[in-house]
Amino acid sequence: MEKISINGNGLGERTGEVAGRVWRQLRAHGPTTAMAIAKAIGRNMDDVHMAIGWLAREGKLRMEGDRLALVEHEMRVAI
């Protein structure tokens, strides 16, 4: 079983890193499903779901049917 730590290289850091990958994937390729994101970024669905929760809590996501998309103002953010 993996040790979960909030300090250091734990769950919070991993989730934040995956959230960044999810955000960049949506920014580059537009609305898509969680499963397609997981496949594209090479992460498991648990990690992707936690990242989606992270981004949703920050108000960065919206749903388009069964697909996730960035809210409009996130599409204008310079990378």
C-alpha atoms as a PDB file:
ATOM      1  CA  MET A   1       0.000   0.000   0.000  1.00  0.00           C
ATOM      2  CA  GLU A   2       1.307   3.445  -0.915  1.00  0.00           C
ATOM      3  CA  LYS A   3       2.051   5.794   1.964  1.00  0.00           C
ATOM      4  CA  ILE A   4       0.014   8.972   1.652  1.00  0.00           C
ATOM      5  CA  SER A   5       1.702  12.139   2.844  1.00  0.00           C
ATOM      6  CA  ILE A   6       0.488  15.692   2.656  1.00  0.00           C
ATOM      7  CA  ASN A   7       4.039  17.004   3.064  1.00  0.00           C
ATOM      8  CA  GLY A   8       6.768  16.199   0.569  1.00  0.00           C
ATOM      9  CA  ASN A   9       6.087  13.925  -2.406  1.00  0.00           C
ATOM     10  CA  GLY A  10       2.634  12.848  -1.378  1.00  0.00           C
ATOM     11  CA  LEU A  11      -0.922  12.900  -2.571  1.00  0.00           C
ATOM     12  CA  GLY A  12      -1.269  16.682  -2.814  1.00  0.00           C
ATOM     13  CA  GLU A  13       1.807  17.124  -4.970  1.00  0.00           C
ATOM     14  CA  ARG A  14       0.943  14.184  -7.215  1.00  0.00           C
ATOM     15  CA  THR A  15      -2.631  15.394  -7.648  1.00  0.00           C
ATOM     16  CA  GLY A  16      -1.435  18.912  -8.455  1.00  0.00           C
ATOM     17  CA  GLU A  17       1.024  17.573 -11.039  1.00  0.00           C
ATOM     18  CA  VAL A  18      -1.678  15.468 -12.720  1.00  0.00           C
ATOM     19  CA  ALA A  19      -4.097  18.427 -12.577  1.00  0.00           C
ATOM     20  CA  GLY A  20      -1.537  20.438 -14.536  1.00  0.00           C
ATOM     21  CA  ARG A  21      -1.311  17.687 -17.152  1.00  0.00           C
ATOM     22  CA  VAL A  22      -5.126  17.492 -17.397  1.00  0.00           C
ATOM     23  CA  TRP A  23      -5.358  21.281 -17.747  1.00  0.00           C
ATOM     24  CA  ARG A  24      -2.709  21.330 -20.507  1.00  0.00           C
ATOM     25  CA  GLN A  25      -4.405  18.442 -22.332  1.00  0.00           C
ATOM     26  CA  LEU A  26      -7.759  20.237 -22.321  1.00  0.00           C
ATOM     27  CA  ARG A  27      -6.120  23.532 -23.304  1.00  0.00           C
ATOM     28  CA  ALA A  28      -4.357  21.928 -26.264  1.00  0.00           C
ATOM     29  CA  HIS A  29      -7.058  19.534 -27.481  1.00  0.00           C
ATOM     30  CA  GLY A  30     -10.393  20.848 -26.218  1.00  0.00           C
ATOM     31  CA  PRO A  31     -13.285  18.980 -24.588  1.00  0.00           C
ATOM     32  CA  THR A  32     -12.873  15.262 -24.040  1.00  0.00           C
ATOM     33  CA  THR A  33     -13.760  12.452 -21.646  1.00  0.00           C
ATOM     34  CA  ALA A  34     -11.900  11.568 -18.460  1.00  0.00           C
ATOM     35  CA  MET A  35     -10.952   8.194 -19.953  1.00  0.00           C
ATOM     36  CA  ALA A  36      -9.469   9.821 -23.058  1.00  0.00           C
ATOM     37  CA  ILE A  37      -7.494  12.240 -20.866  1.00  0.00           C
ATOM     38  CA  ALA A  38      -6.132   9.361 -18.765  1.00  0.00           C
ATOM     39  CA  LYS A  39      -4.988   7.560 -21.899  1.00  0.00           C
ATOM     40  CA  ALA A  40      -3.464  10.698 -23.437  1.00  0.00           C
ATOM     41  CA  ILE A  41      -1.442  11.647 -20.352  1.00  0.00           C
ATOM     42  CA  GLY A  42      -0.592   8.093 -19.316  1.00  0.00           C
ATOM     43  CA  ARG A  43      -2.169   8.186 -15.856  1.00  0.00           C
ATOM     44  CA  ASN A  44      -4.703   5.922 -14.157  1.00  0.00           C
ATOM     45  CA  MET A  45      -8.340   6.910 -13.710  1.00  0.00           C
ATOM     46  CA  ASP A  46      -7.991   7.425  -9.932  1.00  0.00           C
ATOM     47  CA  ASP A  47      -5.273  10.042 -10.484  1.00  0.00           C
ATOM     48  CA  VAL A  48      -7.277  11.698 -13.258  1.00  0.00           C
ATOM     49  CA  HIS A  49     -10.454  11.811 -11.152  1.00  0.00           C
ATOM     50  CA  MET A  50      -8.566  13.420  -8.261  1.00  0.00           C
ATOM     51  CA  ALA A  51      -7.084  15.959 -10.687  1.00  0.00           C
ATOM     52  CA  ILE A  52     -10.532  16.700 -12.118  1.00  0.00           C
ATOM     53  CA  GLY A  53     -11.792  17.323  -8.575  1.00  0.00           C
ATOM     54  CA  TRP A  54      -8.844  19.664  -7.963  1.00  0.00           C
ATOM     55  CA  LEU A  55      -9.561  21.655 -11.131  1.00  0.00           C
ATOM     56  CA  ALA A  56     -13.316  21.681 -10.520  1.00  0.00           C
ATOM     57  CA  ARG A  57     -12.786  23.017  -6.988  1.00  0.00           C
ATOM     58  CA  GLU A  58     -10.732  25.831  -8.512  1.00  0.00           C
ATOM     59  CA  GLY A  59     -13.586  26.608 -10.921  1.00  0.00           C
ATOM     60  CA  LYS A  60     -11.573  25.731 -14.030  1.00  0.00           C
ATOM     61  CA  LEU A  61     -13.805  23.039 -15.548  1.00  0.00           C
ATOM     62  CA  ARG A  62     -17.245  22.738 -17.068  1.00  0.00           C
ATOM     63  CA  MET A  63     -19.127  19.823 -18.578  1.00  0.00           C
ATOM     64  CA  GLU A  64     -20.229  19.578 -22.201  1.00  0.00           C
ATOM     65  CA  GLY A  65     -22.484  16.551 -22.093  1.00  0.00           C
ATOM     66  CA  ASP A  66     -20.173  13.727 -21.007  1.00  0.00           C
ATOM     67  CA  ARG A  67     -17.008  15.652 -21.912  1.00  0.00           C
ATOM     68  CA  LEU A  68     -14.867  17.890 -19.720  1.00  0.00           C
ATOM     69  CA  ALA A  69     -13.837  21.324 -20.935  1.00  0.00           C
ATOM     70  CA  LEU A  70     -12.035  24.322 -19.509  1.00  0.00           C
ATOM     71  CA  VAL A  71     -14.191  27.288 -18.576  1.00  0.00           C
ATOM     72  CA  GLU A  72     -13.933  30.098 -21.099  1.00  0.00           C
ATOM     73  CA  HIS A  73     -11.526  32.345 -19.170  1.00  0.00           C
ATOM     74  CA  GLU A  74      -9.048  29.430 -18.810  1.00  0.00           C
ATOM     75  CA  MET A  75      -8.838  29.201 -22.594  1.00  0.00           C
ATOM     76  CA  ARG A  76      -7.488  32.789 -22.670  1.00  0.00           C
ATOM     77  CA  VAL A  77      -4.737  32.168 -20.099  1.00  0.00           C
ATOM     78  CA  ALA A  78      -1.270  32.527 -21.616  1.00  0.00           C
ATOM     79  CA  ILE A  79       0.870  29.420 -21.348  1.00  0.00           C
END
